[in-house]
Amino acid sequence: MSSLLYRRGRLAYSGTWWVTGRWVLAIAGIVALIEVKPPKLNNEIRVDGTPAQEVIDALPDASGGQGILAFHAGDGKRGLLPQASSSRRSS
């Protein structure tokens, strides 16, 4: 294995333009294939059999969008976490 790698390395070093040209041709071929037949991308992830997937299947218009989650703190309180008391004394 090491002799094979040595021969490939020596060939790449001695024929730099030849190796570079082959890499350019390989990349151009890959780009041409992608241009001719582009990949079909999909963002859908399904986990069949879960309750969440059943809801998504039942309500297709409601899934896949964005939503806002807002909390209301009543009685003049600020936020959801309990506030530190201002009358607390440090010892």
Protein backbone atom coordinates (compact mmCIF):
# COMPACT_ATOMS: atom_id res chain seq x y z
CA MET A 1 0.00 0.00 0.00
CA SER A 2 2.77 2.42 0.87
CA SER A 3 4.52 1.79 -2.46
CA LEU A 4 1.27 2.57 -4.32
CA LEU A 5 0.90 5.83 -2.42
CA TYR A 6 4.55 6.66 -3.03
CA ARG A 7 4.16 6.13 -6.79
CA ARG A 8 1.01 8.26 -6.91
CA GLY A 9 2.67 11.03 -4.93
CA ARG A 10 5.76 10.96 -7.15
CA LEU A 11 3.55 11.08 -10.28
CA ALA A 12 1.55 14.02 -8.88
CA TYR A 13 4.75 15.90 -8.03
CA SER A 14 6.46 15.30 -11.36
CA GLY A 15 3.44 16.03 -13.55
CA THR A 16 1.84 18.92 -11.69
CA TRP A 17 0.06 20.44 -14.70
CA TRP A 18 -1.16 17.04 -15.84
CA VAL A 19 -2.65 16.27 -12.41
CA THR A 20 -4.12 19.77 -12.13
CA GLY A 21 -5.70 19.40 -15.57
CA ARG A 22 -7.29 16.10 -14.61
CA TRP A 23 -8.74 17.65 -11.46
CA VAL A 24 -10.14 20.57 -13.46
CA LEU A 25 -11.71 18.13 -15.96
CA ALA A 26 -13.21 16.05 -13.14
CA ILE A 27 -14.72 19.13 -11.46
CA ALA A 28 -16.04 20.41 -14.81
CA GLY A 29 -17.64 17.01 -15.45
CA ILE A 30 -19.35 17.02 -12.05
CA VAL A 31 -20.62 20.58 -12.58
CA ALA A 32 -21.93 19.63 -16.05
CA LEU A 33 -23.78 16.63 -14.62
CA ILE A 34 -25.35 18.80 -11.94
CA GLU A 35 -26.40 21.34 -14.58
CA VAL A 36 -27.94 18.67 -16.82
CA LYS A 37 -29.76 16.86 -14.04
CA PRO A 38 -30.00 18.98 -10.89
CA PRO A 39 -30.66 17.18 -7.62
CA LYS A 40 -34.15 17.37 -6.16
CA LEU A 41 -33.94 18.91 -2.72
CA ASN A 42 -36.60 18.37 -0.09
CA ASN A 43 -36.96 19.78 3.41
CA GLU A 44 -39.63 17.31 4.50
CA ILE A 45 -38.79 15.13 7.47
CA ARG A 46 -41.27 12.45 8.43
CA VAL A 47 -41.36 10.27 11.52
CA ASP A 48 -44.37 8.05 10.87
CA GLY A 49 -46.29 6.70 13.83
CA THR A 50 -45.65 9.61 16.18
CA PRO A 51 -48.46 11.79 17.52
CA ALA A 52 -46.82 14.93 16.12
CA GLN A 53 -46.72 13.44 12.62
CA GLU A 54 -50.40 12.49 12.88
CA VAL A 55 -51.30 16.10 13.73
CA ILE A 56 -49.18 17.41 10.86
CA ASP A 57 -50.88 14.99 8.47
CA ALA A 58 -54.34 15.95 9.78
CA LEU A 59 -53.69 19.71 9.53
CA PRO A 60 -51.43 20.21 6.50
CA ASP A 61 -52.23 23.93 6.18
CA ALA A 62 -51.15 24.64 9.75
CA SER A 63 -47.82 22.85 9.52
CA GLY A 64 -44.64 24.17 8.00
CA GLY A 65 -45.21 27.80 8.86
CA GLN A 66 -43.95 30.16 11.49
CA GLY A 67 -45.74 31.08 14.66
CA ILE A 68 -45.39 33.50 17.51
CA LEU A 69 -45.56 32.40 21.11
CA ALA A 70 -46.49 35.24 23.45
CA PHE A 71 -46.89 35.17 27.22
CA HIS A 72 -48.95 37.59 29.27
CA ALA A 73 -47.97 38.34 32.86
CA GLY A 74 -50.93 39.66 34.82
CA ASP A 75 -51.15 41.61 38.07
CA GLY A 76 -48.31 43.93 37.17
CA LYS A 77 -45.78 41.13 37.32
CA ARG A 78 -42.85 41.26 35.01
CA GLY A 79 -42.02 38.11 33.04
CA LEU A 80 -42.66 34.52 33.98
CA LEU A 81 -39.96 34.07 36.58
CA PRO A 82 -40.50 35.12 40.17
CA GLN A 83 -38.85 38.44 40.92
CA ALA A 84 -36.33 38.80 43.72
CA SER A 85 -37.74 40.63 46.70
CA SER A 86 -36.33 44.11 47.20
CA SER A 87 -36.69 43.81 50.99
CA ARG A 88 -34.23 40.92 51.16
CA ARG A 89 -31.29 41.71 53.39
CA SER A 90 -27.86 40.27 52.95
CA SER A 91 -26.21 38.96 56.11
